[in-house]
Structures are given as structure tokens and as C-alpha cells.
Protein backbone atom coordinates (compact mmCIF):
# COMPACT_ATOMS: atom_id res chain seq x y z
CA MET A 1 29.04 -76.72 -11.28
CA ARG A 2 28.63 -73.90 -11.80
CA THR A 3 25.85 -71.78 -11.81
CA ASN A 4 24.42 -68.20 -13.14
CA ARG A 5 22.39 -67.27 -10.78
CA ARG A 6 20.94 -63.42 -11.19
CA HIS A 7 19.33 -61.98 -8.22
CA ILE A 8 16.18 -59.38 -8.75
CA THR A 9 16.56 -56.30 -6.99
CA VAL A 10 13.34 -54.05 -6.29
CA PRO A 11 13.83 -51.00 -5.18
CA GLY A 12 12.18 -50.31 -2.29
CA ILE A 13 9.55 -47.10 -1.55
CA THR A 14 10.39 -45.91 1.75
CA PRO A 15 12.17 -43.55 0.16
CA LEU A 16 9.64 -42.44 -2.52
CA ILE A 17 6.81 -42.35 1.25
CA ASP A 18 9.46 -40.44 2.65
CA VAL A 19 9.45 -37.55 0.80
CA VAL A 20 5.71 -37.58 0.15
CA PHE A 21 5.23 -37.40 3.77
CA LEU A 22 7.43 -34.23 3.46
CA LEU A 23 6.54 -32.80 0.60
CA ILE A 24 2.53 -32.47 1.90
CA VAL A 25 4.30 -30.98 5.58
CA PHE A 26 5.29 -28.83 3.31
CA PHE A 27 2.11 -27.72 1.92
CA VAL A 28 0.07 -27.91 4.81
CA VAL A 29 2.72 -25.44 6.74
CA VAL A 30 2.77 -22.63 3.69
CA SER A 31 -1.00 -22.70 3.08
CA SER A 32 -1.13 -22.53 7.08
CA VAL A 33 1.43 -19.09 6.93
CA VAL A 34 -0.29 -17.44 3.86
CA ASP A 35 -3.66 -17.01 5.96
CA LEU A 36 -1.85 -15.48 9.02
CA ASP A 37 -1.96 -12.02 7.17
CA ARG A 38 -5.84 -12.47 7.00
CA VAL A 39 -8.35 -10.50 9.15
CA PRO A 40 -11.83 -12.39 8.71
CA MET A 41 -14.11 -9.91 7.43
CA ASP A 42 -17.30 -9.02 4.47
CA LEU A 43 -15.86 -7.73 1.97
CA PRO A 44 -17.19 -5.49 0.35
CA MET A 45 -19.53 -6.60 -3.29
CA PRO A 46 -19.31 -4.34 -5.89
CA SER A 47 -23.12 -4.10 -8.13
CA PRO A 48 -22.13 -3.98 -11.30
CA ALA A 49 -18.93 -5.85 -10.69
CA MET A 50 -16.28 -3.45 -12.41
CA THR A 51 -13.40 -4.89 -11.12
CA VAL A 52 -10.32 -6.18 -12.89
CA PRO A 53 -8.63 -9.02 -11.68
CA PRO A 54 -5.56 -8.79 -9.79
CA LEU A 55 -1.74 -8.42 -12.27
CA GLU A 56 0.88 -10.66 -11.48
CA ARG A 57 2.94 -7.78 -9.34
CA SER A 58 4.42 -7.35 -5.97
CA ALA A 59 1.65 -6.28 -3.46
CA VAL A 60 1.64 -6.11 0.44
CA VAL A 61 -1.45 -5.87 1.94
CA VAL A 62 -3.10 -3.92 4.63
CA ASN A 63 -6.17 -4.74 6.70
CA VAL A 64 -8.71 -2.73 8.80
CA ILE A 65 -8.81 -4.14 11.81
CA PRO A 66 -13.04 -2.40 12.32
CA ALA A 67 -13.61 -2.13 16.08
CA ASP A 68 -16.77 -0.32 15.88
CA GLU A 69 -18.12 1.78 13.32
CA GLU A 70 -16.42 4.90 14.57
CA GLU A 71 -12.88 3.69 14.75
CA ALA A 72 -10.40 0.61 13.70
CA MET A 73 -9.30 -1.30 16.54
CA GLY A 74 -5.49 -1.03 14.15
CA TYR A 75 -4.24 -1.98 11.15
CA ARG A 76 -2.32 -5.62 10.05
CA LEU A 77 1.05 -5.44 7.68
CA ASP A 78 2.39 -8.96 7.44
CA GLY A 79 1.40 -10.27 10.50
CA GLU A 80 1.87 -7.51 12.53
CA THR A 81 -0.92 -5.33 14.00
CA PHE A 82 -0.42 -1.53 14.28
CA SER A 83 -2.67 0.77 16.19
CA PRO A 84 -4.17 3.33 14.57
CA ASP A 85 -2.78 6.00 16.68
CA SER A 86 -0.19 7.96 15.68
CA ASP A 87 2.61 6.08 17.15
CA GLY A 88 1.26 2.99 14.96
CA ALA A 89 0.91 5.11 11.65
CA ASP A 90 4.51 5.84 12.26
CA LEU A 91 5.31 2.24 12.41
CA LEU A 92 3.49 0.99 9.12
CA ARG A 93 4.65 3.64 7.46
CA HIS A 94 8.25 2.55 7.96
CA ALA A 95 7.07 -1.57 7.62
CA LEU A 96 5.77 -0.09 4.27
CA ALA A 97 8.33 2.02 2.91
CA ALA A 98 10.46 -1.34 3.69
CA HIS A 99 8.70 -2.78 1.05
CA LEU A 100 8.64 -0.15 -1.54
CA LEU A 101 12.31 0.36 -1.57
CA ALA A 102 12.83 -3.36 -2.18
CA ASP A 103 10.12 -3.22 -4.49
CA PRO A 104 9.36 0.48 -5.87
CA SER A 105 6.40 -1.56 -7.92
CA THR A 106 4.96 -2.89 -5.10
CA ALA A 107 0.76 -1.81 -4.85
CA LEU A 108 -0.71 -1.82 -1.57
CA VAL A 109 -3.77 -3.92 -1.48
CA ILE A 110 -5.90 -1.86 1.21
CA ARG A 111 -8.81 -5.23 3.13
CA ALA A 112 -11.65 -2.69 5.01
CA ASP A 113 -14.74 -4.58 6.45
CA ARG A 114 -18.18 -4.04 3.65
CA ALA A 115 -18.88 -1.20 6.91
CA ALA A 116 -15.99 -0.19 7.08
CA ARG A 117 -16.65 3.92 7.48
CA SER A 118 -14.06 5.81 4.68
CA GLU A 119 -12.35 7.43 8.39
CA LEU A 120 -10.86 4.64 8.66
CA VAL A 121 -9.99 3.69 5.19
CA LEU A 122 -7.81 7.57 4.88
CA PRO A 123 -5.25 6.77 7.39
CA VAL A 124 -4.36 3.88 5.28
CA LEU A 125 -3.59 6.89 2.09
CA ASP A 126 -1.60 8.87 4.10
CA VAL A 127 0.46 6.47 5.15
CA ALA A 128 1.10 5.00 2.14
CA ARG A 129 1.85 8.71 0.42
CA ARG A 130 4.00 9.21 2.94
CA ALA A 131 5.68 5.90 2.51
CA ALA A 132 6.46 7.00 -0.90
CA ALA A 133 8.24 9.20 0.42
CA GLU A 134 10.34 8.69 2.64
CA ALA A 135 10.89 5.45 -0.04
CA GLY A 136 12.07 8.47 -2.25
CA LEU A 137 9.44 7.32 -4.40
CA GLN A 138 8.92 9.19 -8.10
CA HIS A 139 5.50 8.81 -8.63
CA PRO A 140 3.06 8.04 -6.29
CA VAL A 141 2.04 3.97 -4.47
CA ARG A 142 -0.78 2.34 -6.93
CA VAL A 143 -3.71 1.52 -4.52
CA GLU A 144 -6.26 -1.49 -5.05
CA LEU A 145 -9.51 -1.98 -2.66
CA ALA A 146 -10.09 -5.59 -2.22
CA VAL A 147 -13.53 -6.96 -2.84
CA GLU A 148 -15.35 -10.07 -2.67
CA ALA A 149 -14.79 -11.65 -6.29
CA PRO A 150 -18.31 -11.97 -7.58
CA ARG A 151 -20.33 -15.86 -8.07
């Protein structure tokens, strides 16, 4: 006598769990890498809020790292800190020019503390102008100032 036995196989969920854990690890690593370039500071809040939300476009962020009211400790771009002297400005110019060569429509976002004086931000504007010339752009670099979003 012959009996037909059917074996019902249930797919294991172990591979699914492995994929979910890999996705979790990926997102944790990516979220920590994104915040490496952020310098903790008290951003200005415009009053009244006359800001325009940022558009979807490529941008690089230069953080002005304050030391005290009179001078900057340095400038940070792509996780690298540049000194506020002329050598640091040249290195920052080359790094910014590389971004502009890759995408000429790249905007420069300057993040500076609320208490930062304009003398700390002006060198970044000069570096942006010289980087545009180094990259051979026929137009100036679009510059934006980062502010705290209104609540």
C-alpha cells in the first residue's frame, strides 16, 4: 500500500531577521556619520522668521568653530578642521574648490554661533570667492547662513 505523504515546509524566518538586523546596523552607522561634521553651537534665530526652506540641491557646510569673541578656533568642512591662519584658509579653499569642480551648483552653507562676530565669518566668504575662481566658475558661489528653525 502506497500512501501519499505531503511534507509541508515552512520557510524559516532566520534570514529575514538577519536582513532586518543588518538594516538596523546600517542606519545606525549612517546616522552617526552624518553628525560627525556638526559642531555644537547656538545658532541665530531670525526674528521675524524671514527664511526660505532649503531647496533640494548639493551643499557643503563650513562650521565656524568659535574660540572666543575675537577669533575663530578654526573652520570645519567634511569632518576636517582647518586653522584660521592663511595656511588653513588655503587648504579650505582647495577643499571647497574640489566640491565646486565636482558640482558647480554646490551651495556653501556657513554655520556660525549666534555670538560669532562678522570678522569670523568674512574669511569664509573670501575663501568661497577664491575657490570659485580656482574652480573656474563664471558665477559666484551661492552662500547661505544656517539659522535655527523657528519652533
